[in-house]
Amino acid sequence: MTIASLPRKAGLALLAIVLAGCAATPKPPPWQNDVRDALDGFTDAWLHGDGGAAEADFARARRAAGATGRFDNVAQAELVRCGVRAAALDYDCPGFAAIAQDATPAQRAYAAYLDGRWQGLDAGLLPAQHRAVVASGSLAGVADPLARLVAAGALLKAGRIAPGDVGAAVDAASSQGWRRPLLAWLGVQERRALAAGDDAAARAVRRRIELASGE
């Protein structure tokens, strides 16, 4: 049955209820959608190794966030970039550093977490899954592939990552076909195998690096 098939008064009443429900859930402002879409594009391009497209998408996100005139909105976009880059062991984060003094305490805590500055870190300000990483020193319980790679990057920078979690980071990147973090983490595996004198393991990892990089 449709609204058109109802008696007139009943149909008008139902239409009023539907419209009232729509009015109760207003759409987010356009800038939020613009930022989200641009950051999604940045993330996908960066993880797949397309640096040019990634930076173009991030510039769009930064402009959209900056249009609000609020430092916390721009800082949040910058932190997304910092986290995605940390997933591939690139800890350069100048965009956030430039506005850190105007960011929120939670945003500054997350930046410190990504950079491995855990001494005195208030882990209670972090997202729940990253609080667990600080508490346990492991990736246990972090199921999302990107979050797992971000956490692994933070653990490595903090000097707390376990050998098994290096393998977990490799597997997370490999399962998604994310070339940039895969090559970065395979590089960690290769260096650790060489340091341990395990030439056979190092050669096996090198073959994977060559395959993933197209060499």
N, C-alpha and C. Protein backbone atom coordinates (compact mmCIF):
# COMPACT_ATOMS: atom_id res chain seq x y z
N MET A 1 0.85 -1.19 0.00
CA MET A 1 0.00 0.00 0.00
C MET A 1 0.88 1.24 0.00
N THR A 2 0.55 2.23 -0.79
CA THR A 2 1.28 3.48 -0.86
C THR A 2 0.50 4.58 -0.18
N ILE A 3 1.17 5.73 0.03
CA ILE A 3 0.48 6.89 0.60
C ILE A 3 -0.68 7.30 -0.29
N ALA A 4 -0.50 7.19 -1.62
CA ALA A 4 -1.55 7.61 -2.55
C ALA A 4 -2.80 6.76 -2.43
N SER A 5 -2.69 5.51 -1.98
CA SER A 5 -3.85 4.62 -1.90
C SER A 5 -4.59 4.75 -0.59
N LEU A 6 -4.06 5.51 0.39
CA LEU A 6 -4.73 5.70 1.67
C LEU A 6 -5.81 6.76 1.56
N PRO A 7 -6.81 6.72 2.45
CA PRO A 7 -7.76 7.82 2.53
C PRO A 7 -7.00 9.12 2.72
N ARG A 8 -7.57 10.23 2.22
CA ARG A 8 -6.85 11.50 2.18
C ARG A 8 -6.30 11.91 3.53
N LYS A 9 -7.12 11.89 4.60
CA LYS A 9 -6.65 12.35 5.91
C LYS A 9 -5.55 11.44 6.44
N ALA A 10 -5.73 10.12 6.26
CA ALA A 10 -4.72 9.19 6.74
C ALA A 10 -3.41 9.36 5.97
N GLY A 11 -3.56 9.58 4.65
CA GLY A 11 -2.38 9.78 3.82
C GLY A 11 -1.62 11.02 4.22
N LEU A 12 -2.34 12.12 4.49
CA LEU A 12 -1.68 13.36 4.90
C LEU A 12 -1.00 13.20 6.25
N ALA A 13 -1.64 12.46 7.16
CA ALA A 13 -1.05 12.24 8.48
C ALA A 13 0.24 11.43 8.35
N LEU A 14 0.22 10.38 7.53
CA LEU A 14 1.40 9.56 7.34
C LEU A 14 2.51 10.37 6.69
N LEU A 15 2.16 11.21 5.71
CA LEU A 15 3.16 12.03 5.04
C LEU A 15 3.81 12.99 6.03
N ALA A 16 2.99 13.54 6.95
CA ALA A 16 3.52 14.46 7.95
C ALA A 16 4.52 13.75 8.86
N ILE A 17 4.21 12.49 9.21
CA ILE A 17 5.12 11.72 10.07
C ILE A 17 6.43 11.46 9.35
N VAL A 18 6.35 11.10 8.06
CA VAL A 18 7.55 10.83 7.27
C VAL A 18 8.41 12.07 7.17
N LEU A 19 7.78 13.21 6.88
CA LEU A 19 8.52 14.46 6.74
C LEU A 19 9.14 14.88 8.07
N ALA A 20 8.40 14.65 9.15
CA ALA A 20 8.94 14.99 10.47
C ALA A 20 10.17 14.15 10.78
N GLY A 21 10.12 12.88 10.40
CA GLY A 21 11.26 12.02 10.62
C GLY A 21 12.47 12.47 9.83
N CYS A 22 12.23 12.92 8.60
CA CYS A 22 13.33 13.42 7.77
C CYS A 22 13.94 14.67 8.39
N ALA A 23 13.07 15.53 8.89
CA ALA A 23 13.54 16.78 9.47
C ALA A 23 14.35 16.54 10.74
N ALA A 24 14.09 15.41 11.43
CA ALA A 24 14.78 15.13 12.68
C ALA A 24 16.21 14.65 12.46
N THR A 25 16.56 14.26 11.23
CA THR A 25 17.90 13.79 10.93
C THR A 25 18.48 14.63 9.79
N PRO A 26 18.90 15.84 10.08
CA PRO A 26 19.41 16.71 9.03
C PRO A 26 20.68 16.15 8.41
N LYS A 27 20.89 16.45 7.16
CA LYS A 27 22.09 16.01 6.48
C LYS A 27 23.30 16.75 7.03
N PRO A 28 24.45 16.09 7.04
CA PRO A 28 25.65 16.79 7.48
C PRO A 28 26.00 17.91 6.51
N PRO A 29 26.67 18.94 6.96
CA PRO A 29 27.05 20.04 6.06
C PRO A 29 27.94 19.52 4.93
N PRO A 30 27.87 20.13 3.77
CA PRO A 30 28.62 19.63 2.61
C PRO A 30 30.12 19.48 2.85
N TRP A 31 30.71 20.35 3.66
CA TRP A 31 32.16 20.28 3.85
C TRP A 31 32.56 18.95 4.47
N GLN A 32 31.72 18.39 5.35
CA GLN A 32 32.06 17.11 5.98
C GLN A 32 32.13 16.00 4.95
N ASN A 33 31.17 15.98 4.02
CA ASN A 33 31.21 14.98 2.96
C ASN A 33 32.42 15.18 2.06
N ASP A 34 32.74 16.44 1.78
CA ASP A 34 33.89 16.73 0.93
C ASP A 34 35.18 16.24 1.58
N VAL A 35 35.32 16.50 2.88
CA VAL A 35 36.52 16.06 3.60
C VAL A 35 36.60 14.54 3.62
N ARG A 36 35.49 13.89 3.94
CA ARG A 36 35.48 12.43 4.03
C ARG A 36 35.84 11.80 2.68
N ASP A 37 35.21 12.28 1.61
CA ASP A 37 35.47 11.69 0.29
C ASP A 37 36.92 11.91 -0.13
N ALA A 38 37.43 13.11 0.13
CA ALA A 38 38.81 13.40 -0.27
C ALA A 38 39.80 12.57 0.55
N LEU A 39 39.53 12.41 1.84
CA LEU A 39 40.43 11.59 2.67
C LEU A 39 40.37 10.12 2.28
N ASP A 40 39.18 9.66 1.90
CA ASP A 40 39.08 8.28 1.41
C ASP A 40 39.93 8.10 0.16
N GLY A 41 39.86 9.09 -0.74
CA GLY A 41 40.68 9.02 -1.95
C GLY A 41 42.16 9.07 -1.64
N PHE A 42 42.54 9.95 -0.72
CA PHE A 42 43.95 10.02 -0.30
C PHE A 42 44.42 8.68 0.25
N THR A 43 43.63 8.11 1.15
CA THR A 43 44.03 6.85 1.80
C THR A 43 44.23 5.75 0.78
N ASP A 44 43.26 5.60 -0.12
CA ASP A 44 43.36 4.54 -1.13
C ASP A 44 44.58 4.74 -2.03
N ALA A 45 44.79 5.97 -2.48
CA ALA A 45 45.91 6.23 -3.38
C ALA A 45 47.25 6.04 -2.68
N TRP A 46 47.35 6.53 -1.45
CA TRP A 46 48.62 6.41 -0.72
C TRP A 46 48.97 4.94 -0.47
N LEU A 47 48.02 4.17 0.00
CA LEU A 47 48.31 2.78 0.33
C LEU A 47 48.68 1.96 -0.91
N HIS A 48 48.14 2.35 -2.05
CA HIS A 48 48.46 1.64 -3.29
C HIS A 48 49.71 2.19 -3.97
N GLY A 49 50.30 3.23 -3.40
CA GLY A 49 51.57 3.72 -3.92
C GLY A 49 51.48 4.85 -4.91
N ASP A 50 50.32 5.47 -5.07
CA ASP A 50 50.16 6.58 -6.01
C ASP A 50 50.28 7.89 -5.23
N GLY A 51 51.50 8.35 -5.04
CA GLY A 51 51.74 9.53 -4.22
C GLY A 51 51.14 10.80 -4.78
N GLY A 52 51.19 10.97 -6.11
CA GLY A 52 50.66 12.18 -6.72
C GLY A 52 49.17 12.33 -6.50
N ALA A 53 48.43 11.27 -6.77
CA ALA A 53 46.98 11.31 -6.56
C ALA A 53 46.65 11.48 -5.09
N ALA A 54 47.45 10.86 -4.22
CA ALA A 54 47.20 10.96 -2.78
C ALA A 54 47.32 12.40 -2.31
N GLU A 55 48.36 13.08 -2.72
CA GLU A 55 48.57 14.45 -2.27
C GLU A 55 47.52 15.40 -2.85
N ALA A 56 47.07 15.13 -4.07
CA ALA A 56 46.01 15.96 -4.66
C ALA A 56 44.71 15.80 -3.87
N ASP A 57 44.39 14.57 -3.50
CA ASP A 57 43.17 14.34 -2.72
C ASP A 57 43.30 14.95 -1.33
N PHE A 58 44.49 14.86 -0.74
CA PHE A 58 44.63 15.44 0.59
C PHE A 58 44.50 16.96 0.54
N ALA A 59 45.02 17.57 -0.50
CA ALA A 59 44.90 19.02 -0.62
C ALA A 59 43.43 19.43 -0.66
N ARG A 60 42.59 18.63 -1.33
CA ARG A 60 41.16 18.92 -1.36
C ARG A 60 40.55 18.81 0.03
N ALA A 61 40.96 17.78 0.77
CA ALA A 61 40.45 17.59 2.13
C ALA A 61 40.87 18.75 3.03
N ARG A 62 42.09 19.17 2.91
CA ARG A 62 42.59 20.27 3.74
C ARG A 62 41.85 21.57 3.44
N ARG A 63 41.60 21.83 2.17
CA ARG A 63 40.87 23.05 1.81
C ARG A 63 39.45 23.02 2.37
N ALA A 64 38.80 21.87 2.26
CA ALA A 64 37.42 21.76 2.74
C ALA A 64 37.37 21.92 4.25
N ALA A 65 38.31 21.32 4.96
CA ALA A 65 38.34 21.46 6.42
C ALA A 65 38.70 22.89 6.81
N GLY A 66 39.64 23.49 6.08
CA GLY A 66 40.05 24.85 6.38
C GLY A 66 38.96 25.88 6.15
N ALA A 67 38.01 25.55 5.28
CA ALA A 67 36.91 26.48 5.01
C ALA A 67 36.06 26.73 6.24
N THR A 68 36.14 25.88 7.24
CA THR A 68 35.37 26.07 8.47
C THR A 68 36.05 27.07 9.41
N GLY A 69 37.32 27.37 9.17
CA GLY A 69 38.04 28.28 10.05
C GLY A 69 38.31 27.70 11.42
N ARG A 70 38.27 26.36 11.54
CA ARG A 70 38.48 25.71 12.83
C ARG A 70 39.72 24.83 12.77
N PHE A 71 40.63 25.09 13.71
CA PHE A 71 41.87 24.33 13.75
C PHE A 71 41.64 22.86 14.02
N ASP A 72 40.64 22.51 14.85
CA ASP A 72 40.44 21.10 15.18
C ASP A 72 40.01 20.31 13.95
N ASN A 73 39.24 20.92 13.06
CA ASN A 73 38.83 20.22 11.85
C ASN A 73 40.02 19.98 10.93
N VAL A 74 40.89 20.97 10.80
CA VAL A 74 42.08 20.80 9.97
C VAL A 74 43.03 19.80 10.62
N ALA A 75 43.17 19.87 11.95
CA ALA A 75 44.05 18.94 12.65
C ALA A 75 43.59 17.50 12.47
N GLN A 76 42.27 17.29 12.46
CA GLN A 76 41.76 15.93 12.30
C GLN A 76 42.11 15.38 10.92
N ALA A 77 42.00 16.23 9.90
CA ALA A 77 42.39 15.79 8.55
C ALA A 77 43.88 15.49 8.50
N GLU A 78 44.68 16.34 9.13
CA GLU A 78 46.12 16.11 9.13
C GLU A 78 46.47 14.81 9.85
N LEU A 79 45.75 14.50 10.92
CA LEU A 79 46.03 13.27 11.66
C LEU A 79 45.68 12.03 10.86
N VAL A 80 44.66 12.13 10.02
CA VAL A 80 44.37 11.00 9.14
C VAL A 80 45.57 10.75 8.23
N ARG A 81 46.10 11.84 7.68
CA ARG A 81 47.27 11.68 6.82
C ARG A 81 48.45 11.11 7.61
N CYS A 82 48.68 11.62 8.82
CA CYS A 82 49.78 11.11 9.65
C CYS A 82 49.62 9.61 9.91
N GLY A 83 48.41 9.19 10.23
CA GLY A 83 48.17 7.79 10.54
C GLY A 83 48.37 6.88 9.35
N VAL A 84 47.85 7.30 8.20
CA VAL A 84 47.99 6.49 6.99
C VAL A 84 49.46 6.38 6.60
N ARG A 85 50.18 7.47 6.72
CA ARG A 85 51.61 7.42 6.40
C ARG A 85 52.37 6.54 7.40
N ALA A 86 52.00 6.62 8.68
CA ALA A 86 52.66 5.79 9.68
C ALA A 86 52.43 4.31 9.42
N ALA A 87 51.30 3.97 8.80
CA ALA A 87 51.02 2.58 8.47
C ALA A 87 52.08 2.01 7.52
N ALA A 88 52.70 2.91 6.74
CA ALA A 88 53.77 2.51 5.82
C ALA A 88 55.13 2.97 6.33
N LEU A 89 55.19 3.26 7.64
CA LEU A 89 56.45 3.60 8.32
C LEU A 89 57.05 4.92 7.84
N ASP A 90 56.20 5.83 7.42
CA ASP A 90 56.61 7.20 7.08
C ASP A 90 56.04 8.08 8.18
N TYR A 91 56.90 8.59 9.04
CA TYR A 91 56.44 9.31 10.22
C TYR A 91 56.50 10.83 10.06
N ASP A 92 56.75 11.29 8.86
CA ASP A 92 56.80 12.72 8.60
C ASP A 92 55.39 13.30 8.74
N CYS A 93 55.22 14.28 9.61
CA CYS A 93 53.88 14.80 9.90
C CYS A 93 53.93 16.32 10.11
N PRO A 94 54.51 17.07 9.15
CA PRO A 94 54.70 18.51 9.36
C PRO A 94 53.41 19.30 9.38
N GLY A 95 52.39 18.84 8.67
CA GLY A 95 51.13 19.57 8.62
C GLY A 95 50.48 19.67 9.98
N PHE A 96 50.50 18.57 10.72
CA PHE A 96 49.93 18.61 12.07
C PHE A 96 50.84 19.39 13.01
N ALA A 97 52.13 19.20 12.90
CA ALA A 97 53.07 19.88 13.81
C ALA A 97 52.88 21.39 13.75
N ALA A 98 52.55 21.91 12.56
CA ALA A 98 52.41 23.35 12.39
C ALA A 98 51.22 23.92 13.16
N ILE A 99 50.23 23.09 13.44
CA ILE A 99 49.03 23.58 14.13
C ILE A 99 48.77 22.83 15.43
N ALA A 100 49.75 22.09 15.90
CA ALA A 100 49.56 21.25 17.10
C ALA A 100 49.12 22.07 18.31
N GLN A 101 49.64 23.28 18.45
CA GLN A 101 49.28 24.08 19.62
C GLN A 101 47.80 24.44 19.65
N ASP A 102 47.16 24.41 18.49
CA ASP A 102 45.74 24.74 18.41
C ASP A 102 44.85 23.51 18.31
N ALA A 103 45.45 22.31 18.36
CA ALA A 103 44.69 21.06 18.30
C ALA A 103 44.13 20.73 19.69
N THR A 104 43.25 19.76 19.74
CA THR A 104 42.67 19.34 21.01
C THR A 104 43.66 18.43 21.75
N PRO A 105 43.51 18.27 23.07
CA PRO A 105 44.38 17.34 23.80
C PRO A 105 44.34 15.93 23.23
N ALA A 106 43.17 15.46 22.81
CA ALA A 106 43.06 14.11 22.25
C ALA A 106 43.83 14.02 20.94
N GLN A 107 43.78 15.08 20.14
CA GLN A 107 44.51 15.06 18.87
C GLN A 107 46.01 15.07 19.11
N ARG A 108 46.47 15.85 20.08
CA ARG A 108 47.90 15.87 20.38
C ARG A 108 48.36 14.51 20.95
N ALA A 109 47.49 13.87 21.72
CA ALA A 109 47.84 12.55 22.26
C ALA A 109 47.97 11.53 21.13
N TYR A 110 47.09 11.59 20.15
CA TYR A 110 47.15 10.64 19.03
C TYR A 110 48.40 10.88 18.20
N ALA A 111 48.77 12.14 18.02
CA ALA A 111 49.99 12.44 17.27
C ALA A 111 51.21 11.89 18.00
N ALA A 112 51.24 12.02 19.33
CA ALA A 112 52.34 11.48 20.11
C ALA A 112 52.38 9.96 20.02
N TYR A 113 51.23 9.34 20.05
CA TYR A 113 51.12 7.88 19.92
C TYR A 113 51.71 7.41 18.60
N LEU A 114 51.34 8.09 17.50
CA LEU A 114 51.85 7.70 16.18
C LEU A 114 53.36 7.86 16.11
N ASP A 115 53.88 8.86 16.79
CA ASP A 115 55.30 9.18 16.71
C ASP A 115 56.13 8.39 17.71
N GLY A 116 55.49 7.46 18.44
CA GLY A 116 56.22 6.63 19.39
C GLY A 116 56.61 7.34 20.67
N ARG A 117 56.01 8.49 20.93
CA ARG A 117 56.32 9.24 22.16
C ARG A 117 55.30 8.82 23.23
N TRP A 118 55.53 7.66 23.82
CA TRP A 118 54.55 7.07 24.74
C TRP A 118 54.85 7.40 26.20
N GLN A 119 56.04 7.91 26.47
CA GLN A 119 56.37 8.26 27.85
C GLN A 119 55.46 9.41 28.31
N GLY A 120 54.70 9.17 29.36
CA GLY A 120 53.79 10.19 29.86
C GLY A 120 52.53 10.36 29.04
N LEU A 121 52.31 9.48 28.04
CA LEU A 121 51.14 9.58 27.18
C LEU A 121 49.87 9.24 27.97
N ASP A 122 48.86 10.07 27.84
CA ASP A 122 47.55 9.77 28.44
C ASP A 122 46.77 8.91 27.46
N ALA A 123 46.91 7.59 27.61
CA ALA A 123 46.28 6.66 26.66
C ALA A 123 44.76 6.75 26.69
N GLY A 124 44.21 7.27 27.77
CA GLY A 124 42.76 7.41 27.85
C GLY A 124 42.20 8.37 26.82
N LEU A 125 43.05 9.20 26.23
CA LEU A 125 42.60 10.14 25.19
C LEU A 125 42.59 9.52 23.80
N LEU A 126 43.13 8.31 23.67
CA LEU A 126 43.22 7.65 22.37
C LEU A 126 41.93 6.92 22.03
N PRO A 127 41.70 6.64 20.73
CA PRO A 127 40.61 5.74 20.36
C PRO A 127 40.77 4.39 21.08
N ALA A 128 39.67 3.72 21.36
CA ALA A 128 39.69 2.53 22.20
C ALA A 128 40.68 1.47 21.75
N GLN A 129 40.72 1.18 20.45
CA GLN A 129 41.60 0.09 20.00
C GLN A 129 43.07 0.46 20.16
N HIS A 130 43.39 1.74 20.12
CA HIS A 130 44.77 2.15 20.30
C HIS A 130 45.13 2.25 21.78
N ARG A 131 44.15 2.51 22.63
CA ARG A 131 44.40 2.41 24.07
C ARG A 131 44.84 1.00 24.42
N ALA A 132 44.17 0.01 23.81
CA ALA A 132 44.51 -1.39 24.09
C ALA A 132 45.91 -1.72 23.61
N VAL A 133 46.35 -1.12 22.52
CA VAL A 133 47.70 -1.37 22.00
C VAL A 133 48.74 -0.85 22.99
N VAL A 134 48.52 0.35 23.53
CA VAL A 134 49.45 0.91 24.50
C VAL A 134 49.49 0.04 25.76
N ALA A 135 48.33 -0.43 26.18
CA ALA A 135 48.27 -1.23 27.41
C ALA A 135 48.93 -2.59 27.25
N SER A 136 48.73 -3.22 26.09
CA SER A 136 49.23 -4.58 25.89
C SER A 136 50.57 -4.66 25.18
N GLY A 137 50.91 -3.61 24.43
CA GLY A 137 52.12 -3.66 23.64
C GLY A 137 52.03 -4.62 22.48
N SER A 138 50.81 -4.90 22.03
CA SER A 138 50.63 -5.84 20.93
C SER A 138 49.43 -5.42 20.08
N LEU A 139 49.29 -6.11 18.94
CA LEU A 139 48.18 -5.84 18.02
C LEU A 139 46.95 -6.69 18.33
N ALA A 140 47.00 -7.48 19.36
CA ALA A 140 45.87 -8.34 19.70
C ALA A 140 44.61 -7.51 19.89
N GLY A 141 43.57 -7.90 19.21
CA GLY A 141 42.30 -7.20 19.34
C GLY A 141 42.08 -6.12 18.31
N VAL A 142 43.08 -5.80 17.50
CA VAL A 142 42.91 -4.81 16.44
C VAL A 142 42.66 -5.56 15.15
N ALA A 143 41.40 -5.61 14.73
CA ALA A 143 41.03 -6.45 13.60
C ALA A 143 41.08 -5.71 12.27
N ASP A 144 40.70 -4.44 12.25
CA ASP A 144 40.66 -3.69 10.99
C ASP A 144 42.07 -3.60 10.40
N PRO A 145 42.24 -3.93 9.10
CA PRO A 145 43.59 -3.97 8.52
C PRO A 145 44.34 -2.64 8.60
N LEU A 146 43.66 -1.54 8.30
CA LEU A 146 44.36 -0.25 8.34
C LEU A 146 44.71 0.13 9.78
N ALA A 147 43.76 -0.04 10.70
CA ALA A 147 44.05 0.26 12.10
C ALA A 147 45.19 -0.61 12.61
N ARG A 148 45.25 -1.84 12.14
CA ARG A 148 46.32 -2.75 12.57
C ARG A 148 47.68 -2.26 12.08
N LEU A 149 47.71 -1.77 10.85
CA LEU A 149 48.96 -1.25 10.31
C LEU A 149 49.37 0.05 11.00
N VAL A 150 48.40 0.90 11.29
CA VAL A 150 48.70 2.14 12.02
C VAL A 150 49.28 1.81 13.39
N ALA A 151 48.64 0.88 14.09
CA ALA A 151 49.11 0.49 15.42
C ALA A 151 50.48 -0.15 15.34
N ALA A 152 50.71 -0.96 14.32
CA ALA A 152 52.03 -1.58 14.17
C ALA A 152 53.10 -0.53 13.93
N GLY A 153 52.76 0.48 13.13
CA GLY A 153 53.71 1.56 12.90
C GLY A 153 54.04 2.30 14.18
N ALA A 154 53.04 2.53 15.01
CA ALA A 154 53.26 3.20 16.29
C ALA A 154 54.11 2.34 17.22
N LEU A 155 53.83 1.05 17.24
CA LEU A 155 54.62 0.13 18.07
C LEU A 155 56.08 0.11 17.64
N LEU A 156 56.31 0.08 16.33
CA LEU A 156 57.68 0.05 15.82
C LEU A 156 58.41 1.34 16.20
N LYS A 157 57.73 2.47 16.02
CA LYS A 157 58.38 3.75 16.34
C LYS A 157 58.69 3.84 17.83
N ALA A 158 57.82 3.27 18.66
CA ALA A 158 58.03 3.28 20.10
C ALA A 158 59.06 2.24 20.54
N GLY A 159 59.50 1.39 19.62
CA GLY A 159 60.48 0.36 19.95
C GLY A 159 59.89 -0.79 20.74
N ARG A 160 58.59 -1.04 20.55
CA ARG A 160 57.94 -2.06 21.37
C ARG A 160 57.32 -3.20 20.55
N ILE A 161 57.56 -3.23 19.26
CA ILE A 161 56.87 -4.23 18.44
C ILE A 161 57.53 -5.60 18.59
N ALA A 162 56.69 -6.63 18.66
CA ALA A 162 57.16 -8.01 18.75
C ALA A 162 57.33 -8.59 17.35
N PRO A 163 58.21 -9.58 17.19
CA PRO A 163 58.42 -10.18 15.87
C PRO A 163 57.12 -10.67 15.23
N GLY A 164 56.24 -11.26 16.03
CA GLY A 164 54.99 -11.76 15.48
C GLY A 164 54.11 -10.66 14.92
N ASP A 165 54.20 -9.47 15.51
CA ASP A 165 53.38 -8.36 15.03
C ASP A 165 53.94 -7.76 13.75
N VAL A 166 55.24 -7.93 13.52
CA VAL A 166 55.79 -7.53 12.22
C VAL A 166 55.16 -8.40 11.14
N GLY A 167 55.09 -9.70 11.39
CA GLY A 167 54.44 -10.60 10.44
C GLY A 167 52.98 -10.29 10.26
N ALA A 168 52.30 -9.88 11.35
CA ALA A 168 50.89 -9.52 11.26
C ALA A 168 50.70 -8.29 10.40
N ALA A 169 51.62 -7.34 10.48
CA ALA A 169 51.54 -6.14 9.64
C ALA A 169 51.74 -6.51 8.17
N VAL A 170 52.70 -7.37 7.91
CA VAL A 170 52.90 -7.84 6.53
C VAL A 170 51.63 -8.49 6.00
N ASP A 171 51.02 -9.35 6.80
CA ASP A 171 49.81 -10.04 6.36
C ASP A 171 48.65 -9.08 6.14
N ALA A 172 48.53 -8.06 7.00
CA ALA A 172 47.45 -7.08 6.84
C ALA A 172 47.59 -6.32 5.54
N ALA A 173 48.80 -5.87 5.23
CA ALA A 173 49.03 -5.14 3.98
C ALA A 173 48.83 -6.04 2.77
N SER A 174 49.35 -7.27 2.85
CA SER A 174 49.23 -8.21 1.74
C SER A 174 47.78 -8.56 1.45
N SER A 175 46.98 -8.76 2.50
CA SER A 175 45.59 -9.17 2.30
C SER A 175 44.77 -8.11 1.57
N GLN A 176 45.18 -6.84 1.70
CA GLN A 176 44.44 -5.75 1.06
C GLN A 176 45.07 -5.31 -0.27
N GLY A 177 46.22 -5.87 -0.60
CA GLY A 177 46.91 -5.44 -1.82
C GLY A 177 47.46 -4.03 -1.72
N TRP A 178 47.86 -3.63 -0.51
CA TRP A 178 48.39 -2.28 -0.29
C TRP A 178 49.91 -2.32 -0.46
N ARG A 179 50.37 -1.95 -1.64
CA ARG A 179 51.78 -2.11 -2.00
C ARG A 179 52.72 -1.31 -1.10
N ARG A 180 52.37 -0.05 -0.82
CA ARG A 180 53.32 0.79 -0.07
C ARG A 180 53.62 0.23 1.32
N PRO A 181 52.62 -0.01 2.16
CA PRO A 181 52.95 -0.58 3.48
C PRO A 181 53.52 -1.99 3.40
N LEU A 182 53.10 -2.77 2.39
CA LEU A 182 53.64 -4.12 2.27
C LEU A 182 55.14 -4.07 2.05
N LEU A 183 55.60 -3.20 1.15
CA LEU A 183 57.04 -3.10 0.90
C LEU A 183 57.78 -2.60 2.13
N ALA A 184 57.17 -1.67 2.84
CA ALA A 184 57.81 -1.13 4.04
C ALA A 184 57.99 -2.22 5.10
N TRP A 185 56.95 -2.99 5.32
CA TRP A 185 57.03 -4.01 6.37
C TRP A 185 57.85 -5.22 5.94
N LEU A 186 57.83 -5.55 4.65
CA LEU A 186 58.73 -6.60 4.18
C LEU A 186 60.19 -6.17 4.37
N GLY A 187 60.43 -4.87 4.20
CA GLY A 187 61.78 -4.36 4.45
C GLY A 187 62.20 -4.57 5.89
N VAL A 188 61.28 -4.37 6.82
CA VAL A 188 61.58 -4.63 8.23
C VAL A 188 61.90 -6.10 8.44
N GLN A 189 61.08 -6.96 7.85
CA GLN A 189 61.34 -8.40 7.99
C GLN A 189 62.71 -8.78 7.43
N GLU A 190 63.05 -8.23 6.28
CA GLU A 190 64.34 -8.57 5.67
C GLU A 190 65.50 -8.11 6.56
N ARG A 191 65.43 -6.89 7.06
CA ARG A 191 66.51 -6.38 7.91
C ARG A 191 66.66 -7.22 9.18
N ARG A 192 65.54 -7.62 9.75
CA ARG A 192 65.60 -8.43 10.98
C ARG A 192 66.17 -9.82 10.69
N ALA A 193 65.83 -10.39 9.54
CA ALA A 193 66.39 -11.70 9.19
C ALA A 193 67.90 -11.61 8.98
N LEU A 194 68.33 -10.53 8.32
CA LEU A 194 69.77 -10.36 8.11
C LEU A 194 70.49 -10.15 9.43
N ALA A 195 69.88 -9.35 10.32
CA ALA A 195 70.51 -9.10 11.62
C ALA A 195 70.63 -10.38 12.44
N ALA A 196 69.68 -11.29 12.23
CA ALA A 196 69.70 -12.57 12.96
C ALA A 196 70.59 -13.60 12.28
N GLY A 197 71.16 -13.24 11.13
CA GLY A 197 72.01 -14.18 10.40
C GLY A 197 71.24 -15.25 9.66
N ASP A 198 69.94 -15.01 9.45
CA ASP A 198 69.11 -16.00 8.75
C ASP A 198 69.03 -15.62 7.28
N ASP A 199 70.06 -16.02 6.53
CA ASP A 199 70.15 -15.63 5.13
C ASP A 199 69.03 -16.23 4.29
N ALA A 200 68.61 -17.43 4.62
CA ALA A 200 67.55 -18.08 3.85
C ALA A 200 66.24 -17.30 3.99
N ALA A 201 65.93 -16.91 5.21
CA ALA A 201 64.71 -16.12 5.43
C ALA A 201 64.81 -14.78 4.74
N ALA A 202 65.97 -14.15 4.78
CA ALA A 202 66.16 -12.86 4.13
C ALA A 202 65.97 -12.99 2.62
N ARG A 203 66.49 -14.06 2.04
CA ARG A 203 66.32 -14.27 0.60
C ARG A 203 64.86 -14.47 0.24
N ALA A 204 64.12 -15.19 1.08
CA ALA A 204 62.70 -15.42 0.82
C ALA A 204 61.92 -14.10 0.86
N VAL A 205 62.26 -13.26 1.82
CA VAL A 205 61.58 -11.96 1.92
C VAL A 205 61.96 -11.09 0.73
N ARG A 206 63.22 -11.13 0.32
CA ARG A 206 63.65 -10.34 -0.83
C ARG A 206 62.88 -10.73 -2.08
N ARG A 207 62.59 -12.01 -2.24
CA ARG A 207 61.81 -12.45 -3.41
C ARG A 207 60.41 -11.85 -3.37
N ARG A 208 59.83 -11.77 -2.17
CA ARG A 208 58.50 -11.15 -2.05
C ARG A 208 58.58 -9.66 -2.36
N ILE A 209 59.62 -9.01 -1.91
CA ILE A 209 59.79 -7.58 -2.19
C ILE A 209 59.88 -7.36 -3.71
N GLU A 210 60.65 -8.17 -4.37
CA GLU A 210 60.78 -8.04 -5.82
C GLU A 210 59.46 -8.27 -6.53
N LEU A 211 58.70 -9.25 -6.05
CA LEU A 211 57.41 -9.53 -6.66
C LEU A 211 56.45 -8.37 -6.46
N ALA A 212 56.37 -7.84 -5.23
CA ALA A 212 55.43 -6.77 -4.93
C ALA A 212 55.81 -5.47 -5.63
N SER A 213 57.10 -5.24 -5.80
CA SER A 213 57.55 -3.99 -6.42
C SER A 213 57.62 -4.06 -7.93
N GLY A 214 57.42 -5.26 -8.48
CA GLY A 214 57.47 -5.42 -9.93
C GLY A 214 58.86 -5.49 -10.50
N GLU A 215 59.84 -5.76 -9.64
CA GLU A 215 61.22 -5.83 -10.12
C GLU A 215 61.45 -7.13 -10.89
